[in-house]
Amino acid sequence: MDITRNRPATQAGPAEHFTGTVWLDEVAAPPAPSRLRMFSVHFAPGARTAWHRHPHGQVLHVTEGSGLVQRRGGPVEEIRAGDTVWIAPGEWHWHGAAPRTFMTHLAVVEAADDGTTTDWDALVGGDEYPG
């Protein structure tokens, strides 16, 4: 067993992967053979990820506020505190805060054999984001 008492510093979400103000806190990244990665992600109103996918899928659990999530080709769906979203392996999607509220979620992924967790694509433009 290992108890982590001092987490890494909060990191700003890089502009190439996020629109708006986003902060990332690493919650868990245990040593191999584990491939688990967990982050607490804080989105300012209207902030969102770019389109992306994960090799082994992703679980999102909303802890505060309300947000939006969309899979490619599907409708934009509202998510609220207490909701849990399962995104299938390889499914292109984006997620973020609703236009006028903050949103925080836990994001859990499993790294691929090469250590990658995310394949990034284009930013979600204003024509795609319902704001």
N, C-alpha and C. Protein backbone atom coordinates (compact mmCIF):
# COMPACT_ATOMS: atom_id res chain seq x y z
N MET A 1 0.85 -1.17 0.00
CA MET A 1 0.00 0.00 0.00
C MET A 1 0.89 1.23 0.00
N ASP A 2 0.40 2.29 -0.69
CA ASP A 2 1.12 3.55 -0.76
C ASP A 2 0.11 4.68 -0.61
N ILE A 3 0.32 5.55 0.34
CA ILE A 3 -0.56 6.69 0.54
C ILE A 3 0.15 7.93 0.04
N THR A 4 -0.46 8.62 -0.90
CA THR A 4 0.12 9.85 -1.45
C THR A 4 -0.47 11.03 -0.71
N ARG A 5 0.38 11.80 -0.07
CA ARG A 5 -0.10 12.96 0.68
C ARG A 5 0.21 14.27 -0.04
N ASN A 6 1.20 14.26 -0.90
CA ASN A 6 1.57 15.45 -1.64
C ASN A 6 1.45 15.17 -3.14
N ARG A 7 0.41 15.72 -3.73
CA ARG A 7 0.19 15.51 -5.16
C ARG A 7 1.00 16.52 -5.96
N PRO A 8 1.19 16.23 -7.25
CA PRO A 8 1.85 17.22 -8.12
C PRO A 8 1.03 18.51 -8.16
N ALA A 9 1.69 19.60 -8.51
CA ALA A 9 1.03 20.90 -8.60
C ALA A 9 -0.05 20.88 -9.69
N THR A 10 -1.08 21.69 -9.49
CA THR A 10 -2.13 21.87 -10.49
C THR A 10 -1.51 22.39 -11.77
N GLN A 11 -1.96 21.84 -12.91
CA GLN A 11 -1.45 22.25 -14.22
C GLN A 11 -2.56 22.88 -15.03
N ALA A 12 -2.24 23.91 -15.78
CA ALA A 12 -3.20 24.51 -16.71
C ALA A 12 -3.37 23.58 -17.90
N GLY A 13 -4.60 23.44 -18.38
CA GLY A 13 -4.85 22.64 -19.58
C GLY A 13 -4.23 23.34 -20.78
N PRO A 14 -3.40 22.65 -21.56
CA PRO A 14 -2.72 23.30 -22.69
C PRO A 14 -3.70 23.73 -23.79
N ALA A 15 -3.44 24.90 -24.37
CA ALA A 15 -4.33 25.49 -25.37
C ALA A 15 -4.51 24.62 -26.59
N GLU A 16 -3.57 23.74 -26.89
CA GLU A 16 -3.74 22.87 -28.05
C GLU A 16 -4.76 21.76 -27.81
N HIS A 17 -5.13 21.52 -26.54
CA HIS A 17 -6.08 20.46 -26.20
C HIS A 17 -7.36 20.97 -25.54
N PHE A 18 -7.40 22.25 -25.16
CA PHE A 18 -8.54 22.79 -24.42
C PHE A 18 -8.89 24.19 -24.92
N THR A 19 -10.17 24.50 -24.92
CA THR A 19 -10.66 25.86 -25.18
C THR A 19 -11.11 26.43 -23.84
N GLY A 20 -10.67 27.63 -23.51
CA GLY A 20 -11.04 28.25 -22.25
C GLY A 20 -10.11 27.85 -21.13
N THR A 21 -10.50 28.20 -19.92
CA THR A 21 -9.66 27.96 -18.75
C THR A 21 -9.99 26.60 -18.13
N VAL A 22 -8.97 25.75 -18.10
CA VAL A 22 -9.11 24.38 -17.57
C VAL A 22 -7.90 24.10 -16.68
N TRP A 23 -8.15 23.49 -15.51
CA TRP A 23 -7.08 23.12 -14.59
C TRP A 23 -7.13 21.62 -14.34
N LEU A 24 -5.96 20.98 -14.30
CA LEU A 24 -5.85 19.54 -14.12
C LEU A 24 -5.07 19.22 -12.85
N ASP A 25 -5.65 18.36 -12.03
CA ASP A 25 -4.98 17.86 -10.83
C ASP A 25 -4.85 16.35 -10.96
N GLU A 26 -3.61 15.87 -10.97
CA GLU A 26 -3.39 14.42 -11.00
C GLU A 26 -3.76 13.84 -9.65
N VAL A 27 -4.68 12.89 -9.67
CA VAL A 27 -5.13 12.23 -8.45
C VAL A 27 -4.37 10.93 -8.24
N ALA A 28 -4.18 10.16 -9.33
CA ALA A 28 -3.51 8.87 -9.22
C ALA A 28 -2.82 8.50 -10.52
N ALA A 29 -1.59 8.03 -10.39
CA ALA A 29 -0.82 7.47 -11.50
C ALA A 29 0.13 6.43 -10.89
N PRO A 30 -0.45 5.30 -10.43
CA PRO A 30 0.37 4.30 -9.74
C PRO A 30 1.47 3.73 -10.65
N PRO A 31 2.54 3.20 -10.04
CA PRO A 31 3.62 2.63 -10.84
C PRO A 31 3.18 1.34 -11.54
N ALA A 32 3.91 0.97 -12.59
CA ALA A 32 3.66 -0.28 -13.32
C ALA A 32 3.69 -1.43 -12.32
N PRO A 33 2.89 -2.43 -12.55
CA PRO A 33 2.18 -2.74 -13.79
C PRO A 33 0.85 -2.03 -13.96
N SER A 34 0.44 -1.21 -12.98
CA SER A 34 -0.82 -0.47 -13.13
C SER A 34 -0.71 0.49 -14.30
N ARG A 35 -1.81 0.66 -15.03
CA ARG A 35 -1.87 1.63 -16.12
C ARG A 35 -2.96 2.66 -15.86
N LEU A 36 -3.47 2.70 -14.63
CA LEU A 36 -4.52 3.62 -14.23
C LEU A 36 -3.99 5.05 -14.18
N ARG A 37 -4.80 5.99 -14.64
CA ARG A 37 -4.53 7.42 -14.51
C ARG A 37 -5.84 8.09 -14.13
N MET A 38 -5.80 8.93 -13.09
CA MET A 38 -7.00 9.63 -12.68
C MET A 38 -6.66 11.10 -12.43
N PHE A 39 -7.52 11.97 -12.97
CA PHE A 39 -7.36 13.41 -12.82
C PHE A 39 -8.67 14.03 -12.35
N SER A 40 -8.54 15.10 -11.58
CA SER A 40 -9.67 15.97 -11.30
C SER A 40 -9.50 17.15 -12.24
N VAL A 41 -10.52 17.39 -13.07
CA VAL A 41 -10.43 18.42 -14.11
C VAL A 41 -11.47 19.50 -13.82
N HIS A 42 -11.00 20.73 -13.76
CA HIS A 42 -11.83 21.87 -13.40
C HIS A 42 -12.01 22.77 -14.62
N PHE A 43 -13.24 22.95 -15.08
CA PHE A 43 -13.55 23.73 -16.27
C PHE A 43 -14.27 25.02 -15.87
N ALA A 44 -13.79 26.17 -16.35
CA ALA A 44 -14.52 27.42 -16.20
C ALA A 44 -15.72 27.39 -17.15
N PRO A 45 -16.72 28.24 -16.94
CA PRO A 45 -17.87 28.25 -17.85
C PRO A 45 -17.44 28.35 -19.31
N GLY A 46 -18.00 27.46 -20.13
CA GLY A 46 -17.71 27.43 -21.55
C GLY A 46 -16.43 26.73 -21.95
N ALA A 47 -15.58 26.36 -20.98
CA ALA A 47 -14.32 25.67 -21.30
C ALA A 47 -14.60 24.22 -21.66
N ARG A 48 -13.75 23.65 -22.52
CA ARG A 48 -13.99 22.29 -23.00
C ARG A 48 -12.72 21.69 -23.58
N THR A 49 -12.76 20.37 -23.71
CA THR A 49 -11.65 19.65 -24.35
C THR A 49 -11.76 19.79 -25.86
N ALA A 50 -10.69 19.42 -26.54
CA ALA A 50 -10.73 19.20 -27.98
C ALA A 50 -11.35 17.81 -28.20
N TRP A 51 -11.68 17.50 -29.44
CA TRP A 51 -12.09 16.13 -29.77
C TRP A 51 -10.92 15.21 -29.43
N HIS A 52 -11.21 14.07 -28.83
CA HIS A 52 -10.17 13.12 -28.47
C HIS A 52 -10.76 11.73 -28.26
N ARG A 53 -9.88 10.75 -28.12
CA ARG A 53 -10.29 9.38 -27.82
C ARG A 53 -9.23 8.74 -26.94
N HIS A 54 -9.61 7.61 -26.31
CA HIS A 54 -8.73 6.90 -25.38
C HIS A 54 -8.66 5.43 -25.79
N PRO A 55 -7.46 4.83 -25.73
CA PRO A 55 -7.32 3.45 -26.20
C PRO A 55 -8.16 2.43 -25.43
N HIS A 56 -8.38 2.69 -24.14
CA HIS A 56 -9.16 1.75 -23.32
C HIS A 56 -10.44 2.39 -22.77
N GLY A 57 -10.86 3.50 -23.37
CA GLY A 57 -12.06 4.17 -22.91
C GLY A 57 -11.77 5.12 -21.77
N GLN A 58 -12.84 5.72 -21.26
CA GLN A 58 -12.70 6.70 -20.19
C GLN A 58 -13.97 6.71 -19.33
N VAL A 59 -13.79 6.91 -18.04
CA VAL A 59 -14.89 7.15 -17.13
C VAL A 59 -14.79 8.59 -16.65
N LEU A 60 -15.90 9.31 -16.73
CA LEU A 60 -16.01 10.66 -16.18
C LEU A 60 -17.03 10.61 -15.05
N HIS A 61 -16.70 11.21 -13.92
CA HIS A 61 -17.66 11.32 -12.82
C HIS A 61 -17.72 12.79 -12.42
N VAL A 62 -18.87 13.41 -12.63
CA VAL A 62 -19.03 14.84 -12.36
C VAL A 62 -19.20 15.04 -10.86
N THR A 63 -18.32 15.86 -10.28
CA THR A 63 -18.36 16.12 -8.83
C THR A 63 -18.98 17.46 -8.48
N GLU A 64 -18.93 18.42 -9.42
CA GLU A 64 -19.50 19.75 -9.16
C GLU A 64 -20.00 20.36 -10.46
N GLY A 65 -21.07 21.12 -10.36
CA GLY A 65 -21.54 21.91 -11.49
C GLY A 65 -22.26 21.10 -12.55
N SER A 66 -22.30 21.68 -13.75
CA SER A 66 -22.92 20.98 -14.88
C SER A 66 -22.09 21.23 -16.12
N GLY A 67 -22.17 20.27 -17.03
CA GLY A 67 -21.36 20.35 -18.24
C GLY A 67 -22.05 19.72 -19.42
N LEU A 68 -21.25 19.52 -20.45
CA LEU A 68 -21.73 18.94 -21.69
C LEU A 68 -20.75 17.87 -22.15
N VAL A 69 -21.27 16.86 -22.83
CA VAL A 69 -20.45 15.82 -23.42
C VAL A 69 -21.08 15.43 -24.76
N GLN A 70 -20.22 15.07 -25.72
CA GLN A 70 -20.73 14.65 -27.03
C GLN A 70 -19.81 13.61 -27.63
N ARG A 71 -20.39 12.57 -28.16
CA ARG A 71 -19.63 11.62 -28.98
C ARG A 71 -19.80 12.04 -30.43
N ARG A 72 -18.81 11.78 -31.25
CA ARG A 72 -18.86 12.18 -32.65
C ARG A 72 -20.08 11.55 -33.32
N GLY A 73 -20.89 12.42 -33.96
CA GLY A 73 -22.09 11.96 -34.64
C GLY A 73 -23.32 11.91 -33.74
N GLY A 74 -23.15 12.14 -32.45
CA GLY A 74 -24.26 12.08 -31.51
C GLY A 74 -24.67 13.46 -31.03
N PRO A 75 -25.74 13.52 -30.24
CA PRO A 75 -26.19 14.81 -29.72
C PRO A 75 -25.30 15.28 -28.57
N VAL A 76 -25.30 16.57 -28.33
CA VAL A 76 -24.65 17.12 -27.14
C VAL A 76 -25.57 16.80 -25.96
N GLU A 77 -24.99 16.24 -24.89
CA GLU A 77 -25.79 15.84 -23.73
C GLU A 77 -25.32 16.57 -22.48
N GLU A 78 -26.28 16.97 -21.64
CA GLU A 78 -25.96 17.65 -20.39
C GLU A 78 -25.55 16.62 -19.35
N ILE A 79 -24.55 16.96 -18.55
CA ILE A 79 -24.14 16.14 -17.41
C ILE A 79 -24.09 17.04 -16.19
N ARG A 80 -24.44 16.45 -15.03
CA ARG A 80 -24.54 17.21 -13.78
C ARG A 80 -23.81 16.47 -12.66
N ALA A 81 -23.57 17.19 -11.57
CA ALA A 81 -22.94 16.58 -10.40
C ALA A 81 -23.65 15.28 -10.04
N GLY A 82 -22.87 14.23 -9.84
CA GLY A 82 -23.40 12.91 -9.53
C GLY A 82 -23.49 11.99 -10.73
N ASP A 83 -23.45 12.54 -11.96
CA ASP A 83 -23.53 11.71 -13.17
C ASP A 83 -22.18 11.05 -13.44
N THR A 84 -22.24 9.83 -13.97
CA THR A 84 -21.05 9.10 -14.42
C THR A 84 -21.23 8.75 -15.87
N VAL A 85 -20.21 9.00 -16.68
CA VAL A 85 -20.25 8.77 -18.12
C VAL A 85 -19.18 7.74 -18.47
N TRP A 86 -19.56 6.72 -19.24
CA TRP A 86 -18.61 5.74 -19.79
C TRP A 86 -18.45 6.05 -21.27
N ILE A 87 -17.22 6.27 -21.70
CA ILE A 87 -16.90 6.51 -23.10
C ILE A 87 -16.11 5.30 -23.58
N ALA A 88 -16.60 4.66 -24.63
CA ALA A 88 -16.02 3.40 -25.11
C ALA A 88 -14.62 3.60 -25.68
N PRO A 89 -13.80 2.55 -25.68
CA PRO A 89 -12.47 2.64 -26.28
C PRO A 89 -12.55 3.12 -27.73
N GLY A 90 -11.68 4.07 -28.06
CA GLY A 90 -11.60 4.56 -29.43
C GLY A 90 -12.70 5.51 -29.86
N GLU A 91 -13.65 5.82 -28.98
CA GLU A 91 -14.78 6.68 -29.34
C GLU A 91 -14.36 8.16 -29.27
N TRP A 92 -14.46 8.87 -30.41
CA TRP A 92 -14.15 10.30 -30.45
C TRP A 92 -15.22 11.05 -29.68
N HIS A 93 -14.79 11.98 -28.82
CA HIS A 93 -15.72 12.72 -27.99
C HIS A 93 -15.06 14.00 -27.48
N TRP A 94 -15.87 14.85 -26.86
CA TRP A 94 -15.36 16.00 -26.12
C TRP A 94 -16.26 16.20 -24.89
N HIS A 95 -15.78 16.96 -23.92
CA HIS A 95 -16.56 17.26 -22.72
C HIS A 95 -16.05 18.55 -22.10
N GLY A 96 -16.92 19.21 -21.36
CA GLY A 96 -16.53 20.45 -20.71
C GLY A 96 -17.68 21.05 -19.94
N ALA A 97 -17.48 22.29 -19.49
CA ALA A 97 -18.48 22.99 -18.71
C ALA A 97 -19.61 23.49 -19.60
N ALA A 98 -20.77 23.67 -19.00
CA ALA A 98 -21.89 24.32 -19.68
C ALA A 98 -21.51 25.80 -19.88
N PRO A 99 -22.23 26.52 -20.74
CA PRO A 99 -21.85 27.90 -21.06
C PRO A 99 -21.78 28.86 -19.86
N ARG A 100 -22.61 28.65 -18.83
CA ARG A 100 -22.67 29.62 -17.75
C ARG A 100 -22.37 29.04 -16.37
N THR A 101 -21.78 27.84 -16.31
CA THR A 101 -21.47 27.23 -15.02
C THR A 101 -20.09 26.57 -15.04
N PHE A 102 -19.48 26.53 -13.88
CA PHE A 102 -18.25 25.75 -13.73
C PHE A 102 -18.62 24.27 -13.69
N MET A 103 -17.66 23.40 -13.96
CA MET A 103 -17.87 21.97 -13.85
C MET A 103 -16.54 21.31 -13.50
N THR A 104 -16.60 20.38 -12.56
CA THR A 104 -15.44 19.57 -12.20
C THR A 104 -15.82 18.11 -12.34
N HIS A 105 -14.92 17.33 -12.94
CA HIS A 105 -15.14 15.89 -13.00
C HIS A 105 -13.85 15.15 -12.73
N LEU A 106 -14.01 13.93 -12.24
CA LEU A 106 -12.90 12.98 -12.19
C LEU A 106 -12.84 12.30 -13.55
N ALA A 107 -11.66 12.18 -14.11
CA ALA A 107 -11.45 11.50 -15.38
C ALA A 107 -10.51 10.34 -15.14
N VAL A 108 -10.96 9.12 -15.49
CA VAL A 108 -10.19 7.91 -15.25
C VAL A 108 -9.95 7.22 -16.57
N VAL A 109 -8.67 6.92 -16.86
CA VAL A 109 -8.30 6.21 -18.08
C VAL A 109 -7.26 5.15 -17.74
N GLU A 110 -7.06 4.26 -18.68
CA GLU A 110 -6.02 3.25 -18.59
C GLU A 110 -5.07 3.48 -19.75
N ALA A 111 -3.78 3.58 -19.47
CA ALA A 111 -2.79 3.82 -20.51
C ALA A 111 -2.63 2.59 -21.40
N ALA A 112 -2.28 2.84 -22.65
CA ALA A 112 -1.96 1.76 -23.59
C ALA A 112 -0.59 1.18 -23.23
N ASP A 113 -0.21 0.11 -23.88
CA ASP A 113 1.09 -0.52 -23.60
C ASP A 113 2.25 0.45 -23.75
N ASP A 114 2.13 1.40 -24.69
CA ASP A 114 3.22 2.37 -24.90
C ASP A 114 3.14 3.57 -23.97
N GLY A 115 2.16 3.58 -23.05
CA GLY A 115 2.04 4.65 -22.07
C GLY A 115 1.09 5.77 -22.47
N THR A 116 0.63 5.79 -23.71
CA THR A 116 -0.27 6.86 -24.13
C THR A 116 -1.68 6.63 -23.55
N THR A 117 -2.34 7.74 -23.26
CA THR A 117 -3.70 7.67 -22.72
C THR A 117 -4.71 8.34 -23.63
N THR A 118 -4.25 9.26 -24.49
CA THR A 118 -5.18 10.09 -25.26
C THR A 118 -4.64 10.36 -26.65
N ASP A 119 -5.52 10.30 -27.64
CA ASP A 119 -5.23 10.68 -29.02
C ASP A 119 -6.06 11.94 -29.28
N TRP A 120 -5.39 13.08 -29.49
CA TRP A 120 -6.07 14.37 -29.62
C TRP A 120 -6.36 14.71 -31.07
N ASP A 121 -7.45 15.45 -31.29
CA ASP A 121 -7.85 15.91 -32.61
C ASP A 121 -8.14 17.42 -32.50
N ALA A 122 -8.98 17.96 -33.36
CA ALA A 122 -9.24 19.39 -33.46
C ALA A 122 -9.98 19.93 -32.24
N LEU A 123 -9.77 21.22 -31.98
CA LEU A 123 -10.54 21.91 -30.95
C LEU A 123 -12.01 21.94 -31.35
N VAL A 124 -12.88 21.98 -30.35
CA VAL A 124 -14.32 22.07 -30.58
C VAL A 124 -14.64 23.55 -30.79
N GLY A 125 -15.07 23.89 -32.00
CA GLY A 125 -15.32 25.29 -32.35
C GLY A 125 -16.66 25.79 -31.84
N GLY A 126 -16.84 27.09 -31.94
CA GLY A 126 -18.07 27.72 -31.50
C GLY A 126 -19.30 27.22 -32.24
N ASP A 127 -19.11 26.77 -33.48
CA ASP A 127 -20.25 26.23 -34.24
C ASP A 127 -20.67 24.85 -33.74
N GLU A 128 -19.77 24.16 -33.03
CA GLU A 128 -20.08 22.83 -32.48
C GLU A 128 -20.55 22.90 -31.03
N TYR A 129 -20.12 23.96 -30.33
CA TYR A 129 -20.43 24.09 -28.91
C TYR A 129 -21.70 24.93 -28.74
N PRO A 130 -22.71 24.37 -28.09
CA PRO A 130 -23.99 25.11 -27.96
C PRO A 130 -23.93 26.15 -26.85
N GLY A 131 -23.53 27.35 -27.19
CA GLY A 131 -23.41 28.37 -26.17
C GLY A 131 -24.03 29.61 -26.60
